[in-house]
Amino acid sequence: MKRITRKFALLCVVATAALGSLALPADQVRARSAPVCAIGVCTWTEPGIKGTLRILEDEQSGLVLKPPVRSAVNSATRRWCFHEMPGFAGGKKREIAPGEAVKDLGFQARSVRPERC
């Protein structure tokens, strides 16, 4: 009987710990785990996967980004090229491969298109 009681107590402790982790505020959960981006390309206006979220779909072609973005996660099936300047003219470029997460592009991207840089 003592053995069953101990196992039940241990199960309760484990279950409570698991439920407690689900009740964390969203920013704490986000800070602990890798960013989740189920479809397309998720972009954020701040470095570190923070700020305003915008999702780009795989079917979209070249876009001007307003506001500019600083971080991205590519869950799309193809590469995306982020450009510092609007209209893909000059400035820095950063290519992001499928499955890649970039916490800081190193510049404010003002345009993007699904292709190699």
N, C-alpha and C. Protein backbone atom coordinates (compact mmCIF):
# COMPACT_ATOMS: atom_id res chain seq x y z
N MET A 1 0.81 -1.20 0.00
CA MET A 1 0.00 0.00 0.00
C MET A 1 0.86 1.27 0.00
N LYS A 2 1.96 1.24 0.82
CA LYS A 2 2.85 2.40 0.87
C LYS A 2 3.45 2.68 -0.50
N ARG A 3 3.78 1.62 -1.22
CA ARG A 3 4.38 1.77 -2.54
C ARG A 3 3.42 2.47 -3.51
N ILE A 4 2.17 2.08 -3.49
CA ILE A 4 1.16 2.71 -4.36
C ILE A 4 0.98 4.17 -3.96
N THR A 5 0.97 4.47 -2.68
CA THR A 5 0.81 5.84 -2.21
C THR A 5 1.99 6.70 -2.66
N ARG A 6 3.20 6.17 -2.56
CA ARG A 6 4.38 6.92 -3.01
C ARG A 6 4.31 7.20 -4.51
N LYS A 7 3.95 6.17 -5.29
CA LYS A 7 3.84 6.36 -6.74
C LYS A 7 2.78 7.40 -7.07
N PHE A 8 1.66 7.35 -6.39
CA PHE A 8 0.59 8.33 -6.62
C PHE A 8 1.07 9.74 -6.25
N ALA A 9 1.79 9.86 -5.14
CA ALA A 9 2.31 11.17 -4.73
C ALA A 9 3.30 11.70 -5.76
N LEU A 10 4.18 10.83 -6.25
CA LEU A 10 5.14 11.22 -7.27
C LEU A 10 4.43 11.65 -8.55
N LEU A 11 3.42 10.91 -8.94
CA LEU A 11 2.64 11.25 -10.12
C LEU A 11 1.98 12.62 -9.96
N CYS A 12 1.46 12.92 -8.78
CA CYS A 12 0.84 14.22 -8.51
C CYS A 12 1.87 15.35 -8.61
N VAL A 13 3.05 15.12 -8.10
CA VAL A 13 4.10 16.14 -8.16
C VAL A 13 4.49 16.41 -9.62
N VAL A 14 4.68 15.35 -10.39
CA VAL A 14 5.05 15.50 -11.80
C VAL A 14 3.94 16.21 -12.57
N ALA A 15 2.71 15.81 -12.35
CA ALA A 15 1.57 16.44 -13.04
C ALA A 15 1.45 17.91 -12.66
N THR A 16 1.64 18.23 -11.40
CA THR A 16 1.57 19.63 -10.96
C THR A 16 2.67 20.46 -11.60
N ALA A 17 3.87 19.90 -11.68
CA ALA A 17 4.98 20.62 -12.32
C ALA A 17 4.70 20.85 -13.80
N ALA A 18 4.15 19.84 -14.45
CA ALA A 18 3.83 19.98 -15.88
C ALA A 18 2.76 21.04 -16.10
N LEU A 19 1.72 21.02 -15.30
CA LEU A 19 0.66 22.02 -15.43
C LEU A 19 1.16 23.40 -15.07
N GLY A 20 2.04 23.48 -14.10
CA GLY A 20 2.61 24.78 -13.71
C GLY A 20 3.39 25.41 -14.83
N SER A 21 4.09 24.61 -15.63
CA SER A 21 4.85 25.18 -16.74
C SER A 21 3.92 25.68 -17.84
N LEU A 22 2.72 25.12 -17.94
CA LEU A 22 1.76 25.59 -18.93
C LEU A 22 1.15 26.93 -18.53
N ALA A 23 1.19 27.25 -17.27
CA ALA A 23 0.56 28.47 -16.78
C ALA A 23 1.51 29.67 -16.78
N LEU A 24 2.71 29.52 -17.33
CA LEU A 24 3.65 30.64 -17.37
C LEU A 24 3.14 31.74 -18.30
N PRO A 25 3.47 32.98 -18.01
CA PRO A 25 3.11 34.06 -18.94
C PRO A 25 3.76 33.82 -20.30
N ALA A 26 3.13 34.31 -21.35
CA ALA A 26 3.57 34.05 -22.72
C ALA A 26 5.01 34.47 -22.97
N ASP A 27 5.46 35.63 -22.42
CA ASP A 27 6.83 36.07 -22.69
C ASP A 27 7.85 35.12 -22.08
N GLN A 28 7.55 34.53 -20.93
CA GLN A 28 8.50 33.60 -20.32
C GLN A 28 8.59 32.31 -21.13
N VAL A 29 7.46 31.84 -21.64
CA VAL A 29 7.47 30.63 -22.45
C VAL A 29 8.23 30.91 -23.74
N ARG A 30 7.98 32.05 -24.36
CA ARG A 30 8.65 32.43 -25.60
C ARG A 30 10.15 32.52 -25.39
N ALA A 31 10.59 33.06 -24.27
CA ALA A 31 12.01 33.24 -24.01
C ALA A 31 12.71 31.90 -23.80
N ARG A 32 12.00 30.92 -23.26
CA ARG A 32 12.61 29.62 -22.97
C ARG A 32 12.69 28.72 -24.18
N SER A 33 11.75 28.84 -25.12
CA SER A 33 11.69 27.89 -26.22
C SER A 33 12.05 28.54 -27.55
N ALA A 34 12.35 27.70 -28.52
CA ALA A 34 12.63 28.19 -29.86
C ALA A 34 11.34 28.74 -30.46
N PRO A 35 11.46 29.71 -31.35
CA PRO A 35 10.25 30.28 -31.94
C PRO A 35 9.51 29.24 -32.78
N VAL A 36 8.20 29.28 -32.71
CA VAL A 36 7.39 28.36 -33.48
C VAL A 36 6.75 29.14 -34.62
N CYS A 37 6.99 28.68 -35.82
CA CYS A 37 6.41 29.28 -37.01
C CYS A 37 5.96 28.12 -37.88
N ALA A 38 4.67 27.86 -37.88
CA ALA A 38 4.17 26.65 -38.54
C ALA A 38 4.11 26.75 -40.06
N ILE A 39 3.84 27.94 -40.59
CA ILE A 39 3.70 28.07 -42.04
C ILE A 39 4.43 29.31 -42.53
N GLY A 40 4.88 29.28 -43.75
CA GLY A 40 5.48 30.45 -44.36
C GLY A 40 6.73 30.94 -43.65
N VAL A 41 6.89 32.25 -43.65
CA VAL A 41 8.02 32.90 -43.00
C VAL A 41 7.48 33.86 -41.95
N CYS A 42 7.88 33.67 -40.72
CA CYS A 42 7.46 34.58 -39.65
C CYS A 42 8.55 35.62 -39.48
N THR A 43 8.15 36.88 -39.43
CA THR A 43 9.11 37.97 -39.26
C THR A 43 8.70 38.82 -38.07
N TRP A 44 9.70 39.44 -37.44
CA TRP A 44 9.47 40.31 -36.29
C TRP A 44 10.20 41.63 -36.51
N THR A 45 9.67 42.68 -35.93
CA THR A 45 10.24 44.01 -36.12
C THR A 45 11.47 44.27 -35.26
N GLU A 46 11.74 43.42 -34.29
CA GLU A 46 12.88 43.61 -33.38
C GLU A 46 13.81 42.40 -33.44
N PRO A 47 15.10 42.60 -33.13
CA PRO A 47 16.02 41.46 -33.02
C PRO A 47 15.58 40.53 -31.89
N GLY A 48 16.01 39.28 -31.95
CA GLY A 48 15.70 38.34 -30.88
C GLY A 48 14.31 37.76 -30.97
N ILE A 49 13.71 37.75 -32.15
CA ILE A 49 12.36 37.20 -32.35
C ILE A 49 11.37 37.93 -31.45
N LYS A 50 11.41 39.25 -31.47
CA LYS A 50 10.53 40.08 -30.64
C LYS A 50 9.89 41.16 -31.50
N GLY A 51 8.95 41.85 -30.92
CA GLY A 51 8.28 42.93 -31.63
C GLY A 51 7.03 42.44 -32.33
N THR A 52 6.61 43.16 -33.33
CA THR A 52 5.39 42.85 -34.07
C THR A 52 5.63 41.70 -35.04
N LEU A 53 4.75 40.70 -35.01
CA LEU A 53 4.85 39.52 -35.87
C LEU A 53 4.11 39.76 -37.18
N ARG A 54 4.72 39.32 -38.28
CA ARG A 54 4.08 39.32 -39.59
C ARG A 54 4.42 38.00 -40.25
N ILE A 55 3.43 37.33 -40.86
CA ILE A 55 3.65 36.05 -41.52
C ILE A 55 3.59 36.25 -43.03
N LEU A 56 4.63 35.79 -43.70
CA LEU A 56 4.69 35.83 -45.16
C LEU A 56 4.39 34.43 -45.68
N GLU A 57 3.52 34.33 -46.65
CA GLU A 57 3.15 33.02 -47.19
C GLU A 57 4.06 32.64 -48.34
N ASP A 58 4.26 31.35 -48.51
CA ASP A 58 5.18 30.82 -49.51
C ASP A 58 4.81 31.24 -50.94
N GLU A 59 3.52 31.49 -51.19
CA GLU A 59 3.08 31.83 -52.54
C GLU A 59 3.31 33.30 -52.88
N GLN A 60 3.61 34.13 -51.89
CA GLN A 60 3.79 35.55 -52.14
C GLN A 60 5.08 35.81 -52.91
N SER A 61 5.05 36.86 -53.73
CA SER A 61 6.27 37.25 -54.43
C SER A 61 6.88 38.44 -53.70
N GLY A 62 7.68 39.26 -54.36
CA GLY A 62 8.38 40.35 -53.71
C GLY A 62 7.48 41.29 -52.95
N LEU A 63 7.91 41.66 -51.74
CA LEU A 63 7.12 42.52 -50.87
C LEU A 63 7.97 43.65 -50.30
N VAL A 64 7.34 44.79 -50.12
CA VAL A 64 7.96 45.87 -49.35
C VAL A 64 7.47 45.66 -47.92
N LEU A 65 8.39 45.69 -46.97
CA LEU A 65 8.06 45.41 -45.57
C LEU A 65 7.86 46.72 -44.81
N LYS A 66 6.64 46.96 -44.39
CA LYS A 66 6.32 48.12 -43.56
C LYS A 66 5.55 47.62 -42.36
N PRO A 67 6.08 47.75 -41.19
CA PRO A 67 7.39 48.27 -40.82
C PRO A 67 8.50 47.28 -41.19
N PRO A 68 9.74 47.77 -41.23
CA PRO A 68 10.87 46.88 -41.53
C PRO A 68 11.00 45.79 -40.47
N VAL A 69 11.66 44.68 -40.83
CA VAL A 69 11.83 43.56 -39.90
C VAL A 69 13.30 43.36 -39.56
N ARG A 70 13.55 42.74 -38.38
CA ARG A 70 14.92 42.49 -37.92
C ARG A 70 15.22 41.01 -37.67
N SER A 71 14.18 40.17 -37.50
CA SER A 71 14.41 38.75 -37.25
C SER A 71 13.35 37.94 -37.98
N ALA A 72 13.69 36.66 -38.28
CA ALA A 72 12.78 35.83 -39.07
C ALA A 72 13.01 34.35 -38.83
N VAL A 73 11.95 33.56 -39.06
CA VAL A 73 12.01 32.11 -39.03
C VAL A 73 11.37 31.62 -40.32
N ASN A 74 12.11 30.81 -41.08
CA ASN A 74 11.63 30.34 -42.37
C ASN A 74 11.11 28.91 -42.25
N SER A 75 9.78 28.75 -42.29
CA SER A 75 9.16 27.42 -42.31
C SER A 75 8.63 27.11 -43.70
N ALA A 76 8.95 27.96 -44.65
CA ALA A 76 8.51 27.77 -46.03
C ALA A 76 9.36 26.69 -46.71
N THR A 77 9.01 26.37 -47.92
CA THR A 77 9.72 25.31 -48.65
C THR A 77 10.85 25.84 -49.51
N ARG A 78 11.01 27.15 -49.58
CA ARG A 78 12.09 27.72 -50.40
C ARG A 78 12.83 28.82 -49.65
N ARG A 79 13.94 29.24 -50.20
CA ARG A 79 14.77 30.29 -49.60
C ARG A 79 14.12 31.65 -49.81
N TRP A 80 14.38 32.56 -48.87
CA TRP A 80 13.88 33.93 -48.97
C TRP A 80 15.06 34.87 -48.85
N CYS A 81 15.05 35.95 -49.63
CA CYS A 81 16.13 36.93 -49.60
C CYS A 81 15.59 38.24 -49.03
N PHE A 82 16.15 38.65 -47.90
CA PHE A 82 15.77 39.91 -47.25
C PHE A 82 16.74 41.00 -47.69
N HIS A 83 16.20 42.16 -48.05
CA HIS A 83 17.00 43.29 -48.55
C HIS A 83 16.85 44.49 -47.61
N GLU A 84 17.93 45.19 -47.43
CA GLU A 84 17.91 46.37 -46.58
C GLU A 84 17.09 47.51 -47.21
N MET A 85 17.15 47.64 -48.51
CA MET A 85 16.48 48.75 -49.19
C MET A 85 15.14 48.30 -49.77
N PRO A 86 14.16 49.22 -49.81
CA PRO A 86 12.90 48.87 -50.45
C PRO A 86 13.12 48.68 -51.96
N GLY A 87 12.37 47.81 -52.56
CA GLY A 87 12.50 47.58 -53.99
C GLY A 87 13.73 46.78 -54.37
N PHE A 88 14.38 46.14 -53.42
CA PHE A 88 15.50 45.23 -53.66
C PHE A 88 16.72 45.93 -54.27
N ALA A 89 16.83 47.24 -54.09
CA ALA A 89 17.90 48.01 -54.74
C ALA A 89 19.00 48.35 -53.75
N GLY A 90 20.16 47.72 -53.91
CA GLY A 90 21.32 48.06 -53.10
C GLY A 90 21.19 47.67 -51.63
N GLY A 91 22.20 48.04 -50.87
CA GLY A 91 22.21 47.75 -49.43
C GLY A 91 22.56 46.31 -49.14
N LYS A 92 22.41 45.94 -47.87
CA LYS A 92 22.75 44.59 -47.41
C LYS A 92 21.65 43.62 -47.80
N LYS A 93 22.03 42.33 -47.88
CA LYS A 93 21.09 41.25 -48.19
C LYS A 93 21.35 40.11 -47.22
N ARG A 94 20.31 39.32 -46.94
CA ARG A 94 20.47 38.13 -46.07
C ARG A 94 19.53 37.05 -46.57
N GLU A 95 20.09 35.92 -46.95
CA GLU A 95 19.29 34.79 -47.41
C GLU A 95 18.98 33.87 -46.23
N ILE A 96 17.74 33.40 -46.18
CA ILE A 96 17.32 32.50 -45.10
C ILE A 96 16.81 31.21 -45.74
N ALA A 97 17.44 30.10 -45.39
CA ALA A 97 17.08 28.78 -45.93
C ALA A 97 15.86 28.22 -45.23
N PRO A 98 15.17 27.26 -45.85
CA PRO A 98 14.05 26.60 -45.17
C PRO A 98 14.51 25.98 -43.85
N GLY A 99 13.73 26.19 -42.80
CA GLY A 99 14.05 25.66 -41.48
C GLY A 99 15.01 26.52 -40.67
N GLU A 100 15.47 27.62 -41.23
CA GLU A 100 16.44 28.47 -40.54
C GLU A 100 15.75 29.56 -39.73
N ALA A 101 16.30 29.85 -38.55
CA ALA A 101 15.83 30.94 -37.70
C ALA A 101 16.97 31.94 -37.54
N VAL A 102 16.67 33.21 -37.79
CA VAL A 102 17.67 34.26 -37.68
C VAL A 102 17.20 35.26 -36.64
N LYS A 103 17.91 35.33 -35.51
CA LYS A 103 17.50 36.23 -34.43
C LYS A 103 17.82 37.68 -34.72
N ASP A 104 18.78 37.94 -35.60
CA ASP A 104 19.09 39.33 -36.00
C ASP A 104 19.64 39.32 -37.41
N LEU A 105 18.92 39.94 -38.32
CA LEU A 105 19.36 40.03 -39.71
C LEU A 105 20.61 40.90 -39.85
N GLY A 106 20.86 41.76 -38.87
CA GLY A 106 22.00 42.66 -38.94
C GLY A 106 21.66 44.00 -39.58
N PHE A 107 20.41 44.15 -39.99
CA PHE A 107 19.93 45.39 -40.58
C PHE A 107 18.40 45.35 -40.56
N GLN A 108 17.79 46.47 -40.85
CA GLN A 108 16.33 46.52 -40.97
C GLN A 108 15.97 46.17 -42.40
N ALA A 109 15.33 45.01 -42.59
CA ALA A 109 14.94 44.59 -43.93
C ALA A 109 13.68 45.33 -44.34
N ARG A 110 13.74 45.96 -45.51
CA ARG A 110 12.61 46.72 -46.02
C ARG A 110 11.94 46.09 -47.22
N SER A 111 12.55 45.01 -47.76
CA SER A 111 11.90 44.26 -48.83
C SER A 111 12.38 42.81 -48.78
N VAL A 112 11.55 41.91 -49.31
CA VAL A 112 11.85 40.48 -49.26
C VAL A 112 11.20 39.81 -50.47
N ARG A 113 11.87 38.75 -50.95
CA ARG A 113 11.26 37.95 -52.00
C ARG A 113 11.75 36.51 -51.88
N PRO A 114 10.90 35.58 -52.33
CA PRO A 114 11.24 34.15 -52.20
C PRO A 114 12.19 33.71 -53.31
N GLU A 115 13.48 33.83 -53.06
CA GLU A 115 14.50 33.40 -54.01
C GLU A 115 15.87 33.48 -53.33
N ARG A 116 16.87 32.97 -54.01
CA ARG A 116 18.24 33.10 -53.51
C ARG A 116 18.70 34.54 -53.66
N CYS A 117 19.59 34.96 -52.77
CA CYS A 117 20.15 36.33 -52.88
C CYS A 117 21.13 36.33 -53.99
